[in-house]
Amino acid sequence: MDGRDERGDMYRGFGDGFTRAIEMALTPAVFGAFGYLLDRWIGILPVLTILLFLTAVCGQFVKMYYSYDARMKLHEASGPWAAARPTPEGGSSV
């Protein structure tokens, strides 16, 4: 039974990683394409393409950073090392 859970976790990890990779590749491409269409319509060709592309890249970076930070805080809180944290008064929180 344990092997089945580990395999499910592994496949879930592959799926999550693949989803993030597709999102990291397609979001800036879609934003850049939309910026290109707006640039062609307005007549200021490279401005909005570059601006929207860089906005999407920065947004993806910020999203990735904060989601990783939240996952790591959850992981640290659920670990055995988090069970007995000392309080500022010198006692234990358990």
Foldseek 3Di string as FASTA:
>chain_A
DVVVVVVVVVVVVVVVVVVLVCLLPVQLVVQLVVQQVVCVVVVNHPPSSVVSSVVSNVVSVVVVVVVVVVVVVVVVCPDPVNPWDADPVGHTPD
